[in-house]
Amino acid sequence: TNAKSTEDFLAHLSTPALAPMIKVFGPAEVQNLCSGLGQELFTG
């Protein structure tokens, strides 16, 4: 994923229809998913 705010993340997507989905499950939630599966992460 990318550690951007939801708004900055959405600016990189091609269609507004994805916005409701990213607002529910975006970069922070992806990181939580990985952490919950025992995977340590780092941000470049």
ModelCIF file with pLDDT and N, C-alpha, C, O atoms, coordinates in Angstrom:
data_MODEL
#
_entry.id   MODEL 
#
_entity.id                         1 
_entity.type                       polymer 
_entity.pdbx_number_of_molecules   1 
#
_entity_poly.entity_id                      1 
_entity_poly.type                           'polypeptide(L)' 
_entity_poly.nstd_linkage                   no 
_entity_poly.nstd_monomer                   no 
_entity_poly.pdbx_seq_one_letter_code       TNAKSTEDFLAHLSTPALAPMIKVFGPAEVQNLCSGLGQELFTG 
_entity_poly.pdbx_seq_one_letter_code_can   TNAKSTEDFLAHLSTPALAPMIKVFGPAEVQNLCSGLGQELFTG 
_entity_poly.pdbx_strand_id                 A 
#
loop_
_entity_poly_seq.entity_id 
_entity_poly_seq.num 
_entity_poly_seq.mon_id 
_entity_poly_seq.hetero 
1 1  THR n 
1 2  ASN n 
1 3  ALA n 
1 4  LYS n 
1 5  SER n 
1 6  THR n 
1 7  GLU n 
1 8  ASP n 
1 9  PHE n 
1 10 LEU n 
1 11 ALA n 
1 12 HIS n 
1 13 LEU n 
1 14 SER n 
1 15 THR n 
1 16 PRO n 
1 17 ALA n 
1 18 LEU n 
1 19 ALA n 
1 20 PRO n 
1 21 MET n 
1 22 ILE n 
1 23 LYS n 
1 24 VAL n 
1 25 PHE n 
1 26 GLY n 
1 27 PRO n 
1 28 ALA n 
1 29 GLU n 
1 30 VAL n 
1 31 GLN n 
1 32 ASN n 
1 33 LEU n 
1 34 CYS n 
1 35 SER n 
1 36 GLY n 
1 37 LEU n 
1 38 GLY n 
1 39 GLN n 
1 40 GLU n 
1 41 LEU n 
1 42 PHE n 
1 43 THR n 
1 44 GLY n 
#
_struct_asym.id          A 
_struct_asym.entity_id   1 
#
loop_
_ma_qa_metric.id 
_ma_qa_metric.mode 
_ma_qa_metric.name 
_ma_qa_metric.software_group_id 
_ma_qa_metric.type 
1 global pLDDT . pLDDT 
2 local  pLDDT . pLDDT 
#
_ma_qa_metric_global.metric_id      1 
_ma_qa_metric_global.metric_value   95.75 
_ma_qa_metric_global.model_id       1 
_ma_qa_metric_global.ordinal_id     1 
#
loop_
_ma_qa_metric_local.label_asym_id 
_ma_qa_metric_local.label_comp_id 
_ma_qa_metric_local.label_seq_id 
_ma_qa_metric_local.metric_id 
_ma_qa_metric_local.metric_value 
_ma_qa_metric_local.model_id 
_ma_qa_metric_local.ordinal_id 
A THR 1  2 97.00 1 1  
A ASN 2  2 96.00 1 2  
A ALA 3  2 95.00 1 3  
A LYS 4  2 92.00 1 4  
A SER 5  2 93.00 1 5  
A THR 6  2 94.00 1 6  
A GLU 7  2 94.00 1 7  
A ASP 8  2 94.00 1 8  
A PHE 9  2 96.00 1 9  
A LEU 10 2 96.00 1 10 
A ALA 11 2 93.00 1 11 
A HIS 12 2 91.00 1 12 
A LEU 13 2 92.00 1 13 
A SER 14 2 84.00 1 14 
A THR 15 2 93.00 1 15 
A PRO 16 2 94.00 1 16 
A ALA 17 2 97.00 1 17 
A LEU 18 2 98.00 1 18 
A ALA 19 2 97.00 1 19 
A PRO 20 2 98.00 1 20 
A MET 21 2 98.00 1 21 
A ILE 22 2 98.00 1 22 
A LYS 23 2 97.00 1 23 
A VAL 24 2 98.00 1 24 
A PHE 25 2 98.00 1 25 
A GLY 26 2 97.00 1 26 
A PRO 27 2 97.00 1 27 
A ALA 28 2 96.00 1 28 
A GLU 29 2 97.00 1 29 
A VAL 30 2 98.00 1 30 
A GLN 31 2 97.00 1 31 
A ASN 32 2 97.00 1 32 
A LEU 33 2 98.00 1 33 
A CYS 34 2 97.00 1 34 
A SER 35 2 97.00 1 35 
A GLY 36 2 97.00 1 36 
A LEU 37 2 98.00 1 37 
A GLY 38 2 97.00 1 38 
A GLN 39 2 97.00 1 39 
A GLU 40 2 97.00 1 40 
A LEU 41 2 97.00 1 41 
A PHE 42 2 97.00 1 42 
A THR 43 2 97.00 1 43 
A GLY 44 2 92.00 1 44 
#
loop_
_atom_site.group_PDB 
_atom_site.id 
_atom_site.type_symbol 
_atom_site.label_atom_id 
_atom_site.label_alt_id 
_atom_site.label_comp_id 
_atom_site.label_asym_id 
_atom_site.label_entity_id 
_atom_site.label_seq_id 
_atom_site.pdbx_PDB_ins_code 
_atom_site.Cartn_x 
_atom_site.Cartn_y 
_atom_site.Cartn_z 
_atom_site.occupancy 
_atom_site.B_iso_or_equiv 
_atom_site.pdbx_formal_charge 
_atom_site.auth_seq_id 
_atom_site.auth_comp_id 
_atom_site.auth_asym_id 
_atom_site.auth_atom_id 
_atom_site.pdbx_PDB_model_num 
ATOM 1   N N  . THR A 1 1  ? 0.848   -1.190  0.000   1.00 97.00 ? 1  THR A N  1 
ATOM 2   C CA . THR A 1 1  ? 0.000   0.000   0.000   1.00 97.00 ? 1  THR A CA 1 
ATOM 3   C C  . THR A 1 1  ? 0.878   1.232   0.000   1.00 97.00 ? 1  THR A C  1 
ATOM 4   O O  . THR A 1 1  ? 2.095   1.143   -0.156  1.00 97.00 ? 1  THR A O  1 
ATOM 5   N N  . ASN A 1 2  ? 0.244   2.393   0.178   1.00 96.00 ? 2  ASN A N  1 
ATOM 6   C CA . ASN A 1 2  ? 0.966   3.655   0.224   1.00 96.00 ? 2  ASN A CA 1 
ATOM 7   C C  . ASN A 1 2  ? 0.438   4.453   1.402   1.00 96.00 ? 2  ASN A C  1 
ATOM 8   O O  . ASN A 1 2  ? -0.774  4.592   1.571   1.00 96.00 ? 2  ASN A O  1 
ATOM 9   N N  . ALA A 1 3  ? 1.345   4.978   2.218   1.00 95.00 ? 3  ALA A N  1 
ATOM 10  C CA . ALA A 1 3  ? 0.948   5.635   3.465   1.00 95.00 ? 3  ALA A CA 1 
ATOM 11  C C  . ALA A 1 3  ? 0.480   7.066   3.232   1.00 95.00 ? 3  ALA A C  1 
ATOM 12  O O  . ALA A 1 3  ? 0.964   8.000   3.872   1.00 95.00 ? 3  ALA A O  1 
ATOM 13  N N  . LYS A 1 4  ? -0.455  7.226   2.318   1.00 92.00 ? 4  LYS A N  1 
ATOM 14  C CA . LYS A 1 4  ? -1.041  8.541   2.040   1.00 92.00 ? 4  LYS A CA 1 
ATOM 15  C C  . LYS A 1 4  ? -2.372  8.668   2.763   1.00 92.00 ? 4  LYS A C  1 
ATOM 16  O O  . LYS A 1 4  ? -2.962  7.676   3.191   1.00 92.00 ? 4  LYS A O  1 
ATOM 17  N N  . SER A 1 5  ? -2.831  9.904   2.890   1.00 93.00 ? 5  SER A N  1 
ATOM 18  C CA . SER A 1 5  ? -4.187  10.106  3.393   1.00 93.00 ? 5  SER A CA 1 
ATOM 19  C C  . SER A 1 5  ? -5.171  9.544   2.367   1.00 93.00 ? 5  SER A C  1 
ATOM 20  O O  . SER A 1 5  ? -4.828  9.347   1.202   1.00 93.00 ? 5  SER A O  1 
ATOM 21  N N  . THR A 1 6  ? -6.380  9.294   2.815   1.00 94.00 ? 6  THR A N  1 
ATOM 22  C CA . THR A 1 6  ? -7.395  8.763   1.893   1.00 94.00 ? 6  THR A CA 1 
ATOM 23  C C  . THR A 1 6  ? -7.603  9.688   0.708   1.00 94.00 ? 6  THR A C  1 
ATOM 24  O O  . THR A 1 6  ? -7.743  9.228   -0.425  1.00 94.00 ? 6  THR A O  1 
ATOM 25  N N  . GLU A 1 7  ? -7.625  10.998  0.964   1.00 94.00 ? 7  GLU A N  1 
ATOM 26  C CA . GLU A 1 7  ? -7.852  11.966  -0.117  1.00 94.00 ? 7  GLU A CA 1 
ATOM 27  C C  . GLU A 1 7  ? -6.718  11.928  -1.136  1.00 94.00 ? 7  GLU A C  1 
ATOM 28  O O  . GLU A 1 7  ? -6.968  11.925  -2.341  1.00 94.00 ? 7  GLU A O  1 
ATOM 29  N N  . ASP A 1 8  ? -5.477  11.898  -0.660  1.00 94.00 ? 8  ASP A N  1 
ATOM 30  C CA . ASP A 1 8  ? -4.333  11.843  -1.572  1.00 94.00 ? 8  ASP A CA 1 
ATOM 31  C C  . ASP A 1 8  ? -4.326  10.532  -2.348  1.00 94.00 ? 8  ASP A C  1 
ATOM 32  O O  . ASP A 1 8  ? -3.999  10.497  -3.534  1.00 94.00 ? 8  ASP A O  1 
ATOM 33  N N  . PHE A 1 9  ? -4.691  9.460   -1.663  1.00 96.00 ? 9  PHE A N  1 
ATOM 34  C CA . PHE A 1 9  ? -4.743  8.148   -2.326  1.00 96.00 ? 9  PHE A CA 1 
ATOM 35  C C  . PHE A 1 9  ? -5.766  8.166   -3.457  1.00 96.00 ? 9  PHE A C  1 
ATOM 36  O O  . PHE A 1 9  ? -5.475  7.720   -4.567  1.00 96.00 ? 9  PHE A O  1 
ATOM 37  N N  . LEU A 1 10 ? -6.951  8.675   -3.181  1.00 96.00 ? 10 LEU A N  1 
ATOM 38  C CA . LEU A 1 10 ? -8.014  8.689   -4.177  1.00 96.00 ? 10 LEU A CA 1 
ATOM 39  C C  . LEU A 1 10 ? -7.649  9.521   -5.401  1.00 96.00 ? 10 LEU A C  1 
ATOM 40  O O  . LEU A 1 10 ? -8.132  9.253   -6.501  1.00 96.00 ? 10 LEU A O  1 
ATOM 41  N N  . ALA A 1 11 ? -6.803  10.525  -5.218  1.00 93.00 ? 11 ALA A N  1 
ATOM 42  C CA . ALA A 1 11 ? -6.404  11.376  -6.346  1.00 93.00 ? 11 ALA A CA 1 
ATOM 43  C C  . ALA A 1 11 ? -5.619  10.596  -7.393  1.00 93.00 ? 11 ALA A C  1 
ATOM 44  O O  . ALA A 1 11 ? -5.489  11.049  -8.530  1.00 93.00 ? 11 ALA A O  1 
ATOM 45  N N  . HIS A 1 12 ? -5.092  9.428   -7.023  1.00 91.00 ? 12 HIS A N  1 
ATOM 46  C CA . HIS A 1 12 ? -4.310  8.615   -7.956  1.00 91.00 ? 12 HIS A CA 1 
ATOM 47  C C  . HIS A 1 12 ? -5.143  7.554   -8.672  1.00 91.00 ? 12 HIS A C  1 
ATOM 48  O O  . HIS A 1 12 ? -4.613  6.819   -9.505  1.00 91.00 ? 12 HIS A O  1 
ATOM 49  N N  . LEU A 1 13 ? -6.430  7.464   -8.362  1.00 92.00 ? 13 LEU A N  1 
ATOM 50  C CA . LEU A 1 13 ? -7.288  6.463   -8.983  1.00 92.00 ? 13 LEU A CA 1 
ATOM 51  C C  . LEU A 1 13 ? -8.070  7.080   -10.134 1.00 92.00 ? 13 LEU A C  1 
ATOM 52  O O  . LEU A 1 13 ? -8.318  8.285   -10.160 1.00 92.00 ? 13 LEU A O  1 
ATOM 53  N N  . SER A 1 14 ? -8.453  6.231   -11.086 1.00 84.00 ? 14 SER A N  1 
ATOM 54  C CA . SER A 1 14 ? -9.030  6.727   -12.335 1.00 84.00 ? 14 SER A CA 1 
ATOM 55  C C  . SER A 1 14 ? -10.521 6.983   -12.274 1.00 84.00 ? 14 SER A C  1 
ATOM 56  O O  . SER A 1 14 ? -11.063 7.618   -13.178 1.00 84.00 ? 14 SER A O  1 
ATOM 57  N N  . THR A 1 15 ? -11.206 6.510   -11.238 1.00 93.00 ? 15 THR A N  1 
ATOM 58  C CA . THR A 1 15 ? -12.668 6.641   -11.230 1.00 93.00 ? 15 THR A CA 1 
ATOM 59  C C  . THR A 1 15 ? -13.201 6.991   -9.846  1.00 93.00 ? 15 THR A C  1 
ATOM 60  O O  . THR A 1 15 ? -12.772 6.397   -8.857  1.00 93.00 ? 15 THR A O  1 
ATOM 61  N N  . PRO A 1 16 ? -14.128 7.945   -9.756  1.00 94.00 ? 16 PRO A N  1 
ATOM 62  C CA . PRO A 1 16 ? -14.722 8.323   -8.468  1.00 94.00 ? 16 PRO A CA 1 
ATOM 63  C C  . PRO A 1 16 ? -15.544 7.211   -7.833  1.00 94.00 ? 16 PRO A C  1 
ATOM 64  O O  . PRO A 1 16 ? -15.788 7.242   -6.626  1.00 94.00 ? 16 PRO A O  1 
ATOM 65  N N  . ALA A 1 17 ? -15.976 6.232   -8.617  1.00 97.00 ? 17 ALA A N  1 
ATOM 66  C CA . ALA A 1 17 ? -16.818 5.162   -8.073  1.00 97.00 ? 17 ALA A CA 1 
ATOM 67  C C  . ALA A 1 17 ? -16.099 4.353   -6.998  1.00 97.00 ? 17 ALA A C  1 
ATOM 68  O O  . ALA A 1 17 ? -16.742 3.680   -6.194  1.00 97.00 ? 17 ALA A O  1 
ATOM 69  N N  . LEU A 1 18 ? -14.777 4.417   -6.982  1.00 98.00 ? 18 LEU A N  1 
ATOM 70  C CA . LEU A 1 18 ? -14.015 3.663   -5.994  1.00 98.00 ? 18 LEU A CA 1 
ATOM 71  C C  . LEU A 1 18 ? -13.947 4.360   -4.636  1.00 98.00 ? 18 LEU A C  1 
ATOM 72  O O  . LEU A 1 18 ? -13.572 3.738   -3.641  1.00 98.00 ? 18 LEU A O  1 
ATOM 73  N N  . ALA A 1 19 ? -14.302 5.638   -4.585  1.00 97.00 ? 19 ALA A N  1 
ATOM 74  C CA . ALA A 1 19 ? -14.121 6.410   -3.362  1.00 97.00 ? 19 ALA A CA 1 
ATOM 75  C C  . ALA A 1 19 ? -14.806 5.800   -2.139  1.00 97.00 ? 19 ALA A C  1 
ATOM 76  O O  . ALA A 1 19 ? -14.169 5.696   -1.090  1.00 97.00 ? 19 ALA A O  1 
ATOM 77  N N  . PRO A 1 20 ? -16.087 5.386   -2.227  1.00 98.00 ? 20 PRO A N  1 
ATOM 78  C CA . PRO A 1 20 ? -16.714 4.817   -1.019  1.00 98.00 ? 20 PRO A CA 1 
ATOM 79  C C  . PRO A 1 20 ? -15.975 3.589   -0.494  1.00 98.00 ? 20 PRO A C  1 
ATOM 80  O O  . PRO A 1 20 ? -15.914 3.367   0.715   1.00 98.00 ? 20 PRO A O  1 
ATOM 81  N N  . MET A 1 21 ? -15.420 2.799   -1.395  1.00 98.00 ? 21 MET A N  1 
ATOM 82  C CA . MET A 1 21 ? -14.731 1.575   -0.991  1.00 98.00 ? 21 MET A CA 1 
ATOM 83  C C  . MET A 1 21 ? -13.409 1.877   -0.301  1.00 98.00 ? 21 MET A C  1 
ATOM 84  O O  . MET A 1 21 ? -13.077 1.271   0.718   1.00 98.00 ? 21 MET A O  1 
ATOM 85  N N  . ILE A 1 22 ? -12.645 2.834   -0.874  1.00 98.00 ? 22 ILE A N  1 
ATOM 86  C CA . ILE A 1 22 ? -11.358 3.198   -0.288  1.00 98.00 ? 22 ILE A CA 1 
ATOM 87  C C  . ILE A 1 22 ? -11.556 3.874   1.066   1.00 98.00 ? 22 ILE A C  1 
ATOM 88  O O  . ILE A 1 22 ? -10.731 3.721   1.967   1.00 98.00 ? 22 ILE A O  1 
ATOM 89  N N  . LYS A 1 23 ? -12.639 4.614   1.207   1.00 97.00 ? 23 LYS A N  1 
ATOM 90  C CA . LYS A 1 23 ? -12.904 5.268   2.492   1.00 97.00 ? 23 LYS A CA 1 
ATOM 91  C C  . LYS A 1 23 ? -13.210 4.250   3.590   1.00 97.00 ? 23 LYS A C  1 
ATOM 92  O O  . LYS A 1 23 ? -12.958 4.513   4.766   1.00 97.00 ? 23 LYS A O  1 
ATOM 93  N N  . VAL A 1 24 ? -13.749 3.097   3.215   1.00 98.00 ? 24 VAL A N  1 
ATOM 94  C CA . VAL A 1 24 ? -14.008 2.027   4.188   1.00 98.00 ? 24 VAL A CA 1 
ATOM 95  C C  . VAL A 1 24 ? -12.765 1.173   4.414   1.00 98.00 ? 24 VAL A C  1 
ATOM 96  O O  . VAL A 1 24 ? -12.455 0.794   5.544   1.00 98.00 ? 24 VAL A O  1 
ATOM 97  N N  . PHE A 1 25 ? -12.064 0.877   3.337   1.00 98.00 ? 25 PHE A N  1 
ATOM 98  C CA . PHE A 1 25 ? -10.886 0.003   3.439   1.00 98.00 ? 25 PHE A CA 1 
ATOM 99  C C  . PHE A 1 25 ? -9.782  0.605   2.567   1.00 98.00 ? 25 PHE A C  1 
ATOM 100 O O  . PHE A 1 25 ? -9.693  0.320   1.373   1.00 98.00 ? 25 PHE A O  1 
ATOM 101 N N  . GLY A 1 26 ? -8.955  1.430   3.176   1.00 97.00 ? 26 GLY A N  1 
ATOM 102 C CA . GLY A 1 26 ? -7.889  2.128   2.476   1.00 97.00 ? 26 GLY A CA 1 
ATOM 103 C C  . GLY A 1 26 ? -6.521  1.747   3.001   1.00 97.00 ? 26 GLY A C  1 
ATOM 104 O O  . GLY A 1 26 ? -6.355  0.663   3.561   1.00 97.00 ? 26 GLY A O  1 
ATOM 105 N N  . PRO A 1 27 ? -5.540  2.613   2.834   1.00 97.00 ? 27 PRO A N  1 
ATOM 106 C CA . PRO A 1 27 ? -4.163  2.284   3.228   1.00 97.00 ? 27 PRO A CA 1 
ATOM 107 C C  . PRO A 1 27 ? -4.008  1.855   4.687   1.00 97.00 ? 27 PRO A C  1 
ATOM 108 O O  . PRO A 1 27 ? -3.294  0.893   4.973   1.00 97.00 ? 27 PRO A O  1 
ATOM 109 N N  . ALA A 1 28 ? -4.666  2.554   5.608   1.00 96.00 ? 28 ALA A N  1 
ATOM 110 C CA . ALA A 1 28 ? -4.530  2.194   7.025   1.00 96.00 ? 28 ALA A CA 1 
ATOM 111 C C  . ALA A 1 28 ? -5.090  0.805   7.296   1.00 96.00 ? 28 ALA A C  1 
ATOM 112 O O  . ALA A 1 28 ? -4.508  0.030   8.056   1.00 96.00 ? 28 ALA A O  1 
ATOM 113 N N  . GLU A 1 29 ? -6.227  0.492   6.667   1.00 97.00 ? 29 GLU A N  1 
ATOM 114 C CA . GLU A 1 29 ? -6.850  -0.820  6.883   1.00 97.00 ? 29 GLU A CA 1 
ATOM 115 C C  . GLU A 1 29 ? -6.024  -1.943  6.257   1.00 97.00 ? 29 GLU A C  1 
ATOM 116 O O  . GLU A 1 29 ? -5.979  -3.048  6.798   1.00 97.00 ? 29 GLU A O  1 
ATOM 117 N N  . VAL A 1 30 ? -5.375  -1.676  5.133   1.00 98.00 ? 30 VAL A N  1 
ATOM 118 C CA . VAL A 1 30 ? -4.488  -2.680  4.538   1.00 98.00 ? 30 VAL A CA 1 
ATOM 119 C C  . VAL A 1 30 ? -3.345  -2.993  5.498   1.00 98.00 ? 30 VAL A C  1 
ATOM 120 O O  . VAL A 1 30 ? -2.985  -4.154  5.696   1.00 98.00 ? 30 VAL A O  1 
ATOM 121 N N  . GLN A 1 31 ? -2.782  -1.948  6.088   1.00 97.00 ? 31 GLN A N  1 
ATOM 122 C CA . GLN A 1 31 ? -1.694  -2.171  7.042   1.00 97.00 ? 31 GLN A CA 1 
ATOM 123 C C  . GLN A 1 31 ? -2.168  -2.955  8.256   1.00 97.00 ? 31 GLN A C  1 
ATOM 124 O O  . GLN A 1 31 ? -1.446  -3.807  8.771   1.00 97.00 ? 31 GLN A O  1 
ATOM 125 N N  . ASN A 1 32 ? -3.384  -2.667  8.712   1.00 97.00 ? 32 ASN A N  1 
ATOM 126 C CA . ASN A 1 32 ? -3.937  -3.430  9.837   1.00 97.00 ? 32 ASN A CA 1 
ATOM 127 C C  . ASN A 1 32 ? -4.152  -4.895  9.467   1.00 97.00 ? 32 ASN A C  1 
ATOM 128 O O  . ASN A 1 32 ? -3.903  -5.789  10.276  1.00 97.00 ? 32 ASN A O  1 
ATOM 129 N N  . LEU A 1 33 ? -4.620  -5.136  8.230   1.00 98.00 ? 33 LEU A N  1 
ATOM 130 C CA . LEU A 1 33 ? -4.794  -6.510  7.760   1.00 98.00 ? 33 LEU A CA 1 
ATOM 131 C C  . LEU A 1 33 ? -3.472  -7.273  7.835   1.00 98.00 ? 33 LEU A C  1 
ATOM 132 O O  . LEU A 1 33 ? -3.412  -8.388  8.352   1.00 98.00 ? 33 LEU A O  1 
ATOM 133 N N  . CYS A 1 34 ? -2.425  -6.658  7.314   1.00 97.00 ? 34 CYS A N  1 
ATOM 134 C CA . CYS A 1 34 ? -1.114  -7.318  7.305   1.00 97.00 ? 34 CYS A CA 1 
ATOM 135 C C  . CYS A 1 34 ? -0.594  -7.549  8.717   1.00 97.00 ? 34 CYS A C  1 
ATOM 136 O O  . CYS A 1 34 ? -0.067  -8.619  9.026   1.00 97.00 ? 34 CYS A O  1 
ATOM 137 N N  . SER A 1 35 ? -0.743  -6.547  9.570   1.00 97.00 ? 35 SER A N  1 
ATOM 138 C CA . SER A 1 35 ? -0.291  -6.696  10.951  1.00 97.00 ? 35 SER A CA 1 
ATOM 139 C C  . SER A 1 35 ? -1.056  -7.808  11.656  1.00 97.00 ? 35 SER A C  1 
ATOM 140 O O  . SER A 1 35 ? -0.485  -8.575  12.430  1.00 97.00 ? 35 SER A O  1 
ATOM 141 N N  . GLY A 1 36 ? -2.359  -7.886  11.379  1.00 97.00 ? 36 GLY A N  1 
ATOM 142 C CA . GLY A 1 36 ? -3.176  -8.937  11.979  1.00 97.00 ? 36 GLY A CA 1 
ATOM 143 C C  . GLY A 1 36 ? -2.792  -10.325 11.512  1.00 97.00 ? 36 GLY A C  1 
ATOM 144 O O  . GLY A 1 36 ? -3.095  -11.316 12.177  1.00 97.00 ? 36 GLY A O  1 
ATOM 145 N N  . LEU A 1 37 ? -2.124  -10.402 10.371  1.00 98.00 ? 37 LEU A N  1 
ATOM 146 C CA . LEU A 1 37 ? -1.642  -11.684 9.855   1.00 98.00 ? 37 LEU A CA 1 
ATOM 147 C C  . LEU A 1 37 ? -0.184  -11.919 10.230  1.00 98.00 ? 37 LEU A C  1 
ATOM 148 O O  . LEU A 1 37 ? 0.471   -12.808 9.685   1.00 98.00 ? 37 LEU A O  1 
ATOM 149 N N  . GLY A 1 38 ? 0.318   -11.112 11.168  1.00 97.00 ? 38 GLY A N  1 
ATOM 150 C CA . GLY A 1 38 ? 1.658   -11.322 11.699  1.00 97.00 ? 38 GLY A CA 1 
ATOM 151 C C  . GLY A 1 38 ? 2.784   -10.772 10.852  1.00 97.00 ? 38 GLY A C  1 
ATOM 152 O O  . GLY A 1 38 ? 3.938   -11.167 11.023  1.00 97.00 ? 38 GLY A O  1 
ATOM 153 N N  . GLN A 1 39 ? 2.467   -9.859  9.934   1.00 97.00 ? 39 GLN A N  1 
ATOM 154 C CA . GLN A 1 39 ? 3.487   -9.331  9.026   1.00 97.00 ? 39 GLN A CA 1 
ATOM 155 C C  . GLN A 1 39 ? 3.892   -7.923  9.443   1.00 97.00 ? 39 GLN A C  1 
ATOM 156 O O  . GLN A 1 39 ? 3.085   -6.994  9.398   1.00 97.00 ? 39 GLN A O  1 
ATOM 157 N N  . GLU A 1 40 ? 5.130   -7.776  9.842   1.00 97.00 ? 40 GLU A N  1 
ATOM 158 C CA . GLU A 1 40 ? 5.656   -6.461  10.202  1.00 97.00 ? 40 GLU A CA 1 
ATOM 159 C C  . GLU A 1 40 ? 5.908   -5.658  8.932   1.00 97.00 ? 40 GLU A C  1 
ATOM 160 O O  . GLU A 1 40 ? 6.383   -6.193  7.930   1.00 97.00 ? 40 GLU A O  1 
ATOM 161 N N  . LEU A 1 41 ? 5.584   -4.366  8.988   1.00 97.00 ? 41 LEU A N  1 
ATOM 162 C CA . LEU A 1 41 ? 5.686   -3.513  7.813   1.00 97.00 ? 41 LEU A CA 1 
ATOM 163 C C  . LEU A 1 41 ? 6.664   -2.371  8.061   1.00 97.00 ? 41 LEU A C  1 
ATOM 164 O O  . LEU A 1 41 ? 6.989   -2.048  9.204   1.00 97.00 ? 41 LEU A O  1 
ATOM 165 N N  . PHE A 1 42 ? 7.126   -1.768  6.971   1.00 97.00 ? 42 PHE A N  1 
ATOM 166 C CA . PHE A 1 42 ? 7.883   -0.522  7.081   1.00 97.00 ? 42 PHE A CA 1 
ATOM 167 C C  . PHE A 1 42 ? 7.493   0.387   5.920   1.00 97.00 ? 42 PHE A C  1 
ATOM 168 O O  . PHE A 1 42 ? 7.040   -0.076  4.874   1.00 97.00 ? 42 PHE A O  1 
ATOM 169 N N  . THR A 1 43 ? 7.677   1.676   6.125   1.00 97.00 ? 43 THR A N  1 
ATOM 170 C CA . THR A 1 43 ? 7.332   2.670   5.107   1.00 97.00 ? 43 THR A CA 1 
ATOM 171 C C  . THR A 1 43 ? 8.610   3.288   4.563   1.00 97.00 ? 43 THR A C  1 
ATOM 172 O O  . THR A 1 43 ? 9.435   3.803   5.317   1.00 97.00 ? 43 THR A O  1 
ATOM 173 N N  . GLY A 1 44 ? 8.764   3.231   3.235   1.00 92.00 ? 44 GLY A N  1 
ATOM 174 C CA . GLY A 1 44 ? 9.932   3.801   2.595   1.00 92.00 ? 44 GLY A CA 1 
ATOM 175 C C  . GLY A 1 44 ? 9.827   5.317   2.479   1.00 92.00 ? 44 GLY A C  1 
ATOM 176 O O  . GLY A 1 44 ? 10.738  5.960   1.958   1.00 92.00 ? 44 GLY A O  1 
#
